[in-house]
Amino acid sequence: MIEKLEQSSGNTIGYKISGTVSKDDYTVMVPEVEALVDQVGDINMLLDLSEFHWEKISAWGADMKFGSTYRKKIDKMAIIGDKKWQKWLTAVVDPFFAREAEFFHTEDSEAAWAWLEEA
């Protein structure tokens, strides 16, 4: 499941990704990101993966399409989690999904939002 976070504002948008993500879950996020990009241009994005389990194989295409469509429009991406593989994922995100990506531990979510809002 992908849910937009209430802290989203201005050119910064955040999502809580939980459980196992399906292709249909992208129908929630993609239109919101597209609308924000159309409205403000380049954006910053936060993905809270603290309750994320995995992504169905059928969703991989939607995931890669999202990256190829928006990677030049996402200045910064903060990934929040508490697992080593989530930190590793941040290294993969950097060149394919955003200009710059940083990993933050779950307890550092406020620092993640602050990093995104830095000029």
N, C-alpha and C. Protein backbone atom coordinates (compact mmCIF):
# COMPACT_ATOMS: atom_id res chain seq x y z
N MET A 1 0.84 -1.18 0.00
CA MET A 1 0.00 0.00 0.00
C MET A 1 0.89 1.24 0.00
N ILE A 2 0.47 2.24 -0.74
CA ILE A 2 1.18 3.51 -0.81
C ILE A 2 0.22 4.61 -0.35
N GLU A 3 0.61 5.32 0.71
CA GLU A 3 -0.23 6.39 1.26
C GLU A 3 0.56 7.69 1.33
N LYS A 4 -0.05 8.76 0.86
CA LYS A 4 0.59 10.08 0.92
C LYS A 4 0.64 10.53 2.38
N LEU A 5 1.77 11.12 2.77
CA LEU A 5 1.95 11.59 4.14
C LEU A 5 1.47 13.03 4.31
N GLU A 6 0.89 13.31 5.45
CA GLU A 6 0.34 14.64 5.74
C GLU A 6 1.41 15.73 5.75
N GLN A 7 2.65 15.39 6.04
CA GLN A 7 3.72 16.38 6.09
C GLN A 7 4.07 16.94 4.71
N SER A 8 3.56 16.33 3.64
CA SER A 8 3.83 16.80 2.29
C SER A 8 3.38 18.25 2.15
N SER A 9 4.26 19.09 1.59
CA SER A 9 3.90 20.49 1.36
C SER A 9 4.87 21.10 0.36
N GLY A 10 4.40 22.14 -0.31
CA GLY A 10 5.23 22.81 -1.29
C GLY A 10 5.70 21.86 -2.37
N ASN A 11 7.02 21.84 -2.60
CA ASN A 11 7.55 20.95 -3.63
C ASN A 11 8.06 19.63 -3.04
N THR A 12 7.67 19.33 -1.81
CA THR A 12 8.09 18.10 -1.14
C THR A 12 6.89 17.20 -0.89
N ILE A 13 7.01 15.96 -1.35
CA ILE A 13 5.91 15.00 -1.20
C ILE A 13 6.47 13.74 -0.57
N GLY A 14 5.71 13.15 0.33
CA GLY A 14 6.15 11.94 1.01
C GLY A 14 5.10 10.86 1.00
N TYR A 15 5.59 9.63 1.05
CA TYR A 15 4.70 8.46 1.04
C TYR A 15 5.15 7.42 2.04
N LYS A 16 4.18 6.77 2.66
CA LYS A 16 4.43 5.61 3.51
C LYS A 16 4.15 4.40 2.63
N ILE A 17 5.13 3.54 2.47
CA ILE A 17 4.99 2.34 1.66
C ILE A 17 4.95 1.17 2.64
N SER A 18 3.86 0.41 2.63
CA SER A 18 3.74 -0.67 3.60
C SER A 18 3.26 -1.96 2.93
N GLY A 19 3.59 -3.06 3.59
CA GLY A 19 3.18 -4.36 3.07
C GLY A 19 3.89 -4.70 1.78
N THR A 20 3.19 -5.42 0.93
CA THR A 20 3.70 -5.80 -0.38
C THR A 20 3.04 -4.91 -1.42
N VAL A 21 3.84 -4.20 -2.18
CA VAL A 21 3.34 -3.24 -3.17
C VAL A 21 2.99 -3.97 -4.47
N SER A 22 1.85 -3.60 -5.03
CA SER A 22 1.41 -4.16 -6.30
C SER A 22 1.44 -3.08 -7.38
N LYS A 23 1.28 -3.48 -8.60
CA LYS A 23 1.24 -2.53 -9.72
C LYS A 23 0.13 -1.50 -9.51
N ASP A 24 -1.01 -1.93 -8.98
CA ASP A 24 -2.13 -1.03 -8.75
C ASP A 24 -1.81 0.07 -7.74
N ASP A 25 -0.89 -0.19 -6.82
CA ASP A 25 -0.52 0.83 -5.83
C ASP A 25 0.09 2.06 -6.49
N TYR A 26 0.71 1.88 -7.64
CA TYR A 26 1.29 3.02 -8.34
C TYR A 26 0.24 3.98 -8.88
N THR A 27 -1.00 3.51 -9.01
CA THR A 27 -2.08 4.39 -9.49
C THR A 27 -2.42 5.45 -8.46
N VAL A 28 -1.97 5.27 -7.23
CA VAL A 28 -2.15 6.28 -6.18
C VAL A 28 -1.06 7.34 -6.28
N MET A 29 0.17 6.89 -6.33
CA MET A 29 1.31 7.79 -6.25
C MET A 29 1.59 8.55 -7.55
N VAL A 30 1.59 7.88 -8.67
CA VAL A 30 2.01 8.50 -9.93
C VAL A 30 1.19 9.74 -10.29
N PRO A 31 -0.15 9.71 -10.24
CA PRO A 31 -0.88 10.94 -10.58
C PRO A 31 -0.59 12.11 -9.64
N GLU A 32 -0.36 11.82 -8.35
CA GLU A 32 -0.05 12.88 -7.40
C GLU A 32 1.32 13.48 -7.68
N VAL A 33 2.29 12.64 -7.97
CA VAL A 33 3.64 13.14 -8.29
C VAL A 33 3.59 13.92 -9.60
N GLU A 34 2.90 13.39 -10.59
CA GLU A 34 2.79 14.07 -11.88
C GLU A 34 2.15 15.45 -11.72
N ALA A 35 1.09 15.54 -10.93
CA ALA A 35 0.42 16.83 -10.71
C ALA A 35 1.36 17.81 -10.02
N LEU A 36 2.12 17.35 -9.03
CA LEU A 36 3.05 18.24 -8.32
C LEU A 36 4.16 18.72 -9.25
N VAL A 37 4.70 17.81 -10.05
CA VAL A 37 5.75 18.19 -11.02
C VAL A 37 5.20 19.21 -12.00
N ASP A 38 3.98 18.99 -12.49
CA ASP A 38 3.35 19.94 -13.42
C ASP A 38 3.16 21.31 -12.77
N GLN A 39 2.86 21.30 -11.48
CA GLN A 39 2.58 22.54 -10.75
C GLN A 39 3.85 23.31 -10.38
N VAL A 40 4.87 22.61 -9.86
CA VAL A 40 6.04 23.31 -9.31
C VAL A 40 7.36 23.02 -10.02
N GLY A 41 7.38 22.09 -10.92
CA GLY A 41 8.65 21.71 -11.56
C GLY A 41 9.35 20.63 -10.75
N ASP A 42 10.63 20.81 -10.47
CA ASP A 42 11.40 19.80 -9.73
C ASP A 42 10.89 19.66 -8.30
N ILE A 43 10.92 18.42 -7.80
CA ILE A 43 10.38 18.13 -6.48
C ILE A 43 11.40 17.38 -5.62
N ASN A 44 11.07 17.27 -4.34
CA ASN A 44 11.78 16.42 -3.39
C ASN A 44 10.78 15.37 -2.92
N MET A 45 11.29 14.18 -2.59
CA MET A 45 10.40 13.08 -2.26
C MET A 45 10.93 12.28 -1.08
N LEU A 46 10.02 11.87 -0.20
CA LEU A 46 10.35 11.02 0.93
C LEU A 46 9.59 9.72 0.78
N LEU A 47 10.28 8.60 0.99
CA LEU A 47 9.65 7.29 1.00
C LEU A 47 9.94 6.64 2.34
N ASP A 48 8.89 6.43 3.13
CA ASP A 48 9.02 5.75 4.42
C ASP A 48 8.81 4.26 4.18
N LEU A 49 9.89 3.49 4.24
CA LEU A 49 9.84 2.05 3.98
C LEU A 49 9.86 1.23 5.27
N SER A 50 9.61 1.86 6.40
CA SER A 50 9.74 1.16 7.69
C SER A 50 8.77 -0.02 7.82
N GLU A 51 7.67 -0.02 7.08
CA GLU A 51 6.71 -1.14 7.13
C GLU A 51 6.58 -1.84 5.78
N PHE A 52 7.53 -1.57 4.88
CA PHE A 52 7.53 -2.16 3.55
C PHE A 52 8.11 -3.57 3.61
N HIS A 53 7.44 -4.51 2.94
CA HIS A 53 7.95 -5.88 2.91
C HIS A 53 8.64 -6.18 1.58
N TRP A 54 7.94 -5.97 0.49
CA TRP A 54 8.53 -6.18 -0.83
C TRP A 54 7.56 -5.71 -1.89
N GLU A 55 7.99 -5.85 -3.13
CA GLU A 55 7.19 -5.43 -4.27
C GLU A 55 6.92 -6.65 -5.15
N LYS A 56 5.67 -6.84 -5.54
CA LYS A 56 5.35 -7.94 -6.44
C LYS A 56 6.09 -7.76 -7.75
N ILE A 57 6.45 -8.86 -8.37
CA ILE A 57 7.16 -8.80 -9.65
C ILE A 57 6.37 -8.00 -10.67
N SER A 58 5.05 -8.12 -10.64
CA SER A 58 4.21 -7.39 -11.59
C SER A 58 4.32 -5.87 -11.42
N ALA A 59 4.80 -5.42 -10.28
CA ALA A 59 4.95 -3.97 -10.03
C ALA A 59 6.30 -3.44 -10.48
N TRP A 60 7.24 -4.31 -10.78
CA TRP A 60 8.58 -3.86 -11.14
C TRP A 60 8.57 -2.96 -12.37
N GLY A 61 7.75 -3.27 -13.35
CA GLY A 61 7.66 -2.43 -14.55
C GLY A 61 7.18 -1.03 -14.22
N ALA A 62 6.15 -0.94 -13.38
CA ALA A 62 5.63 0.38 -12.97
C ALA A 62 6.68 1.14 -12.19
N ASP A 63 7.44 0.44 -11.37
CA ASP A 63 8.50 1.06 -10.58
C ASP A 63 9.59 1.63 -11.49
N MET A 64 10.03 0.84 -12.44
CA MET A 64 11.08 1.30 -13.35
C MET A 64 10.57 2.43 -14.25
N LYS A 65 9.31 2.35 -14.67
CA LYS A 65 8.74 3.43 -15.48
C LYS A 65 8.69 4.73 -14.68
N PHE A 66 8.31 4.62 -13.40
CA PHE A 66 8.29 5.80 -12.54
C PHE A 66 9.68 6.43 -12.49
N GLY A 67 10.69 5.60 -12.27
CA GLY A 67 12.06 6.10 -12.19
C GLY A 67 12.51 6.77 -13.48
N SER A 68 12.24 6.14 -14.60
CA SER A 68 12.70 6.73 -15.87
C SER A 68 11.93 8.00 -16.21
N THR A 69 10.68 8.09 -15.79
CA THR A 69 9.87 9.27 -16.08
C THR A 69 10.23 10.45 -15.19
N TYR A 70 10.48 10.19 -13.91
CA TYR A 70 10.62 11.29 -12.94
C TYR A 70 12.02 11.51 -12.39
N ARG A 71 13.00 10.69 -12.72
CA ARG A 71 14.32 10.82 -12.09
C ARG A 71 14.97 12.18 -12.31
N LYS A 72 14.71 12.80 -13.43
CA LYS A 72 15.28 14.13 -13.67
C LYS A 72 14.45 15.23 -13.05
N LYS A 73 13.31 14.89 -12.49
CA LYS A 73 12.43 15.87 -11.83
C LYS A 73 12.50 15.78 -10.32
N ILE A 74 13.14 14.74 -9.79
CA ILE A 74 13.26 14.57 -8.34
C ILE A 74 14.67 14.98 -7.93
N ASP A 75 14.78 16.15 -7.29
CA ASP A 75 16.09 16.64 -6.84
C ASP A 75 16.64 15.75 -5.74
N LYS A 76 15.86 15.58 -4.69
CA LYS A 76 16.30 14.81 -3.52
C LYS A 76 15.25 13.76 -3.19
N MET A 77 15.74 12.57 -2.80
CA MET A 77 14.85 11.53 -2.31
C MET A 77 15.40 11.01 -0.98
N ALA A 78 14.58 11.10 0.05
CA ALA A 78 14.94 10.56 1.36
C ALA A 78 14.24 9.22 1.53
N ILE A 79 15.00 8.23 1.94
CA ILE A 79 14.45 6.91 2.20
C ILE A 79 14.58 6.64 3.69
N ILE A 80 13.47 6.31 4.31
CA ILE A 80 13.43 6.04 5.75
C ILE A 80 13.22 4.54 5.94
N GLY A 81 14.01 3.96 6.82
CA GLY A 81 13.86 2.54 7.12
C GLY A 81 14.76 2.13 8.26
N ASP A 82 14.80 0.82 8.51
CA ASP A 82 15.64 0.33 9.59
C ASP A 82 16.36 -0.98 9.23
N LYS A 83 16.36 -1.30 7.94
CA LYS A 83 17.01 -2.53 7.50
C LYS A 83 18.19 -2.22 6.59
N LYS A 84 19.21 -3.10 6.62
CA LYS A 84 20.39 -2.88 5.80
C LYS A 84 20.05 -2.83 4.31
N TRP A 85 19.13 -3.68 3.87
CA TRP A 85 18.81 -3.70 2.44
C TRP A 85 18.13 -2.40 2.02
N GLN A 86 17.45 -1.73 2.93
CA GLN A 86 16.84 -0.44 2.60
C GLN A 86 17.92 0.63 2.42
N LYS A 87 18.96 0.55 3.23
CA LYS A 87 20.09 1.47 3.06
C LYS A 87 20.78 1.20 1.73
N TRP A 88 20.94 -0.08 1.40
CA TRP A 88 21.54 -0.46 0.12
C TRP A 88 20.67 0.05 -1.04
N LEU A 89 19.36 -0.06 -0.88
CA LEU A 89 18.42 0.39 -1.91
C LEU A 89 18.62 1.88 -2.23
N THR A 90 18.98 2.65 -1.23
CA THR A 90 19.21 4.08 -1.42
C THR A 90 20.33 4.31 -2.43
N ALA A 91 21.36 3.48 -2.41
CA ALA A 91 22.45 3.61 -3.38
C ALA A 91 21.95 3.34 -4.80
N VAL A 92 21.00 2.43 -4.94
CA VAL A 92 20.41 2.13 -6.25
C VAL A 92 19.51 3.27 -6.71
N VAL A 93 18.78 3.84 -5.77
CA VAL A 93 17.85 4.93 -6.08
C VAL A 93 18.59 6.14 -6.64
N ASP A 94 19.75 6.43 -6.07
CA ASP A 94 20.47 7.65 -6.41
C ASP A 94 20.60 7.88 -7.91
N PRO A 95 21.17 6.98 -8.69
CA PRO A 95 21.30 7.30 -10.11
C PRO A 95 20.04 7.07 -10.95
N PHE A 96 19.10 6.27 -10.45
CA PHE A 96 17.97 5.87 -11.28
C PHE A 96 16.64 6.52 -10.93
N PHE A 97 16.51 7.09 -9.75
CA PHE A 97 15.23 7.65 -9.33
C PHE A 97 15.30 9.10 -8.88
N ALA A 98 16.49 9.61 -8.63
CA ALA A 98 16.62 10.98 -8.13
C ALA A 98 18.04 11.48 -8.39
N ARG A 99 18.19 12.79 -8.36
CA ARG A 99 19.53 13.36 -8.52
C ARG A 99 20.40 13.08 -7.30
N GLU A 100 19.76 13.02 -6.12
CA GLU A 100 20.49 12.79 -4.88
C GLU A 100 19.57 12.01 -3.94
N ALA A 101 20.11 11.02 -3.26
CA ALA A 101 19.31 10.23 -2.32
C ALA A 101 20.09 10.02 -1.03
N GLU A 102 19.36 10.02 0.07
CA GLU A 102 19.95 9.80 1.40
C GLU A 102 19.08 8.82 2.17
N PHE A 103 19.73 8.00 2.99
CA PHE A 103 19.03 7.05 3.85
C PHE A 103 18.96 7.62 5.27
N PHE A 104 17.81 7.46 5.90
CA PHE A 104 17.61 7.89 7.29
C PHE A 104 16.97 6.75 8.05
N HIS A 105 17.46 6.50 9.26
CA HIS A 105 16.85 5.48 10.11
C HIS A 105 15.46 5.95 10.55
N THR A 106 14.61 5.01 10.84
CA THR A 106 13.22 5.29 11.18
C THR A 106 13.09 6.37 12.25
N GLU A 107 13.94 6.34 13.24
CA GLU A 107 13.83 7.34 14.32
C GLU A 107 14.30 8.73 13.89
N ASP A 108 14.87 8.84 12.70
CA ASP A 108 15.36 10.12 12.19
C ASP A 108 14.46 10.73 11.11
N SER A 109 13.17 10.44 11.16
CA SER A 109 12.28 10.92 10.10
C SER A 109 12.23 12.45 10.04
N GLU A 110 12.31 13.10 11.18
CA GLU A 110 12.31 14.57 11.18
C GLU A 110 13.54 15.11 10.46
N ALA A 111 14.67 14.46 10.64
CA ALA A 111 15.90 14.87 9.94
C ALA A 111 15.76 14.67 8.43
N ALA A 112 15.04 13.63 8.03
CA ALA A 112 14.82 13.37 6.60
C ALA A 112 14.00 14.50 5.98
N TRP A 113 12.91 14.90 6.66
CA TRP A 113 12.10 16.01 6.15
C TRP A 113 12.92 17.30 6.10
N ALA A 114 13.74 17.54 7.13
CA ALA A 114 14.56 18.75 7.16
C ALA A 114 15.56 18.76 6.02
N TRP A 115 16.19 17.61 5.74
CA TRP A 115 17.15 17.51 4.65
C TRP A 115 16.48 17.83 3.31
N LEU A 116 15.28 17.34 3.12
CA LEU A 116 14.55 17.61 1.88
C LEU A 116 14.24 19.09 1.71
N GLU A 117 14.00 19.77 2.81
CA GLU A 117 13.58 21.17 2.74
C GLU A 117 14.75 22.15 2.68
N GLU A 118 16.00 21.63 2.83
CA GLU A 118 17.17 22.50 2.71
C GLU A 118 17.27 23.03 1.28
N ALA A 119 17.73 24.26 1.16
CA ALA A 119 17.89 24.86 -0.18
C ALA A 119 19.06 24.26 -0.91
